[in-house]
């Protein structure tokens, strides 16, 4: 399924993302804020992940040009 999505999107997914998909195919992390040593668009010292998109379904990275679609 990963190879098909990579072909459909025309990109290679990072190994770390594929490894994450093998543990859980998307979702919302418990810890959403992660510290940085540099400023981000959110804050001077961290960034936030609101969710990780999986593959398949209406919220997957392979849905409607990679954008989330409500059905």
C-alpha atoms as a PDB file:
ATOM      1  CA  UNK A   1       0.000   0.000   0.000  1.00  0.00           C
ATOM      2  CA  UNK A   2       2.880   2.412   0.763  1.00  0.00           C
ATOM      3  CA  UNK A   3       4.376   1.862  -2.710  1.00  0.00           C
ATOM      4  CA  UNK A   4       1.013   2.572  -4.338  1.00  0.00           C
ATOM      5  CA  UNK A   5       0.560   5.795  -2.360  1.00  0.00           C
ATOM      6  CA  UNK A   6       4.128   6.901  -3.156  1.00  0.00           C
ATOM      7  CA  UNK A   7       3.407   6.306  -6.838  1.00  0.00           C
ATOM      8  CA  UNK A   8       0.073   8.121  -6.686  1.00  0.00           C
ATOM      9  CA  UNK A   9       1.604  11.111  -4.882  1.00  0.00           C
ATOM     10  CA  UNK A  10       4.835  11.065  -6.888  1.00  0.00           C
ATOM     11  CA  UNK A  11       7.035  11.214  -3.771  1.00  0.00           C
ATOM     12  CA  UNK A  12       9.037   8.881  -1.530  1.00  0.00           C
ATOM     13  CA  UNK A  13       7.771   8.889   2.023  1.00  0.00           C
ATOM     14  CA  UNK A  14      10.447   9.304   4.714  1.00  0.00           C
ATOM     15  CA  UNK A  15      11.478   6.055   6.430  1.00  0.00           C
ATOM     16  CA  UNK A  16      10.584   7.519   9.828  1.00  0.00           C
ATOM     17  CA  UNK A  17       7.035   8.213   8.605  1.00  0.00           C
ATOM     18  CA  UNK A  18       6.648   4.669   7.241  1.00  0.00           C
ATOM     19  CA  UNK A  19       7.961   3.251  10.541  1.00  0.00           C
ATOM     20  CA  UNK A  20       5.349   5.350  12.372  1.00  0.00           C
ATOM     21  CA  UNK A  21       2.617   3.996  10.070  1.00  0.00           C
ATOM     22  CA  UNK A  22       3.640   0.437  10.962  1.00  0.00           C
ATOM     23  CA  UNK A  23       3.024   1.214  14.651  1.00  0.00           C
ATOM     24  CA  UNK A  24      -0.147   3.227  14.112  1.00  0.00           C
ATOM     25  CA  UNK A  25      -1.726   4.363  10.870  1.00  0.00           C
ATOM     26  CA  UNK A  26      -2.297   7.992  11.790  1.00  0.00           C
ATOM     27  CA  UNK A  27      -3.883   9.659  14.775  1.00  0.00           C
ATOM     28  CA  UNK A  28      -3.210  12.339  17.361  1.00  0.00           C
ATOM     29  CA  UNK A  29      -0.065  12.044  19.488  1.00  0.00           C
ATOM     30  CA  UNK A  30      -0.397  12.284  23.278  1.00  0.00           C
ATOM     31  CA  UNK A  31       2.408  14.805  23.465  1.00  0.00           C
ATOM     32  CA  UNK A  32       1.676  17.354  20.765  1.00  0.00           C
ATOM     33  CA  UNK A  33       4.339  19.994  21.566  1.00  0.00           C
ATOM     34  CA  UNK A  34       8.044  19.356  20.958  1.00  0.00           C
ATOM     35  CA  UNK A  35      10.917  21.634  21.996  1.00  0.00           C
ATOM     36  CA  UNK A  36      13.287  23.224  19.477  1.00  0.00           C
ATOM     37  CA  UNK A  37      16.518  25.187  19.709  1.00  0.00           C
ATOM     38  CA  UNK A  38      15.158  27.699  17.187  1.00  0.00           C
ATOM     39  CA  UNK A  39      12.017  29.783  16.714  1.00  0.00           C
ATOM     40  CA  UNK A  40       9.097  28.365  14.751  1.00  0.00           C
ATOM     41  CA  UNK A  41       5.937  29.928  13.369  1.00  0.00           C
ATOM     42  CA  UNK A  42       4.145  28.807  16.578  1.00  0.00           C
ATOM     43  CA  UNK A  43       6.585  29.859  19.252  1.00  0.00           C
ATOM     44  CA  UNK A  44      10.186  30.721  20.022  1.00  0.00           C
ATOM     45  CA  UNK A  45      10.997  27.333  21.504  1.00  0.00           C
ATOM     46  CA  UNK A  46       8.659  24.589  20.216  1.00  0.00           C
ATOM     47  CA  UNK A  47       6.373  23.278  17.494  1.00  0.00           C
ATOM     48  CA  UNK A  48       3.072  21.430  17.702  1.00  0.00           C
ATOM     49  CA  UNK A  49       1.795  18.385  15.828  1.00  0.00           C
ATOM     50  CA  UNK A  50      -1.990  18.339  15.688  1.00  0.00           C
ATOM     51  CA  UNK A  51      -2.149  14.938  14.024  1.00  0.00           C
ATOM     52  CA  UNK A  52      -0.390  12.390  11.845  1.00  0.00           C
ATOM     53  CA  UNK A  53      -2.167  11.356   8.662  1.00  0.00           C
ATOM     54  CA  UNK A  54      -2.289   7.684   7.853  1.00  0.00           C
ATOM     55  CA  UNK A  55      -2.882   5.973   4.525  1.00  0.00           C
ATOM     56  CA  UNK A  56      -6.371   5.217   3.268  1.00  0.00           C
ATOM     57  CA  UNK A  57      -9.756   6.458   4.338  1.00  0.00           C
ATOM     58  CA  UNK A  58     -11.187   9.924   3.985  1.00  0.00           C
ATOM     59  CA  UNK A  59      -8.458  11.456   6.198  1.00  0.00           C
ATOM     60  CA  UNK A  60      -5.439   9.672   4.661  1.00  0.00           C
ATOM     61  CA  UNK A  61      -2.590  11.384   2.827  1.00  0.00           C
ATOM     62  CA  UNK A  62      -3.786   9.675  -0.334  1.00  0.00           C
ATOM     63  CA  UNK A  63      -7.290  11.175  -0.209  1.00  0.00           C
ATOM     64  CA  UNK A  64      -8.292  13.963  -2.604  1.00  0.00           C
ATOM     65  CA  UNK A  65      -4.867  15.388  -3.492  1.00  0.00           C
ATOM     66  CA  UNK A  66      -3.482  14.708  -0.013  1.00  0.00           C
ATOM     67  CA  UNK A  67      -5.980  16.965   1.713  1.00  0.00           C
ATOM     68  CA  UNK A  68      -8.428  15.797   4.333  1.00  0.00           C
ATOM     69  CA  UNK A  69     -11.919  15.367   2.943  1.00  0.00           C
ATOM     70  CA  UNK A  70     -15.104  15.024   4.947  1.00  0.00           C
ATOM     71  CA  UNK A  71     -17.639  12.554   3.663  1.00  0.00           C
END
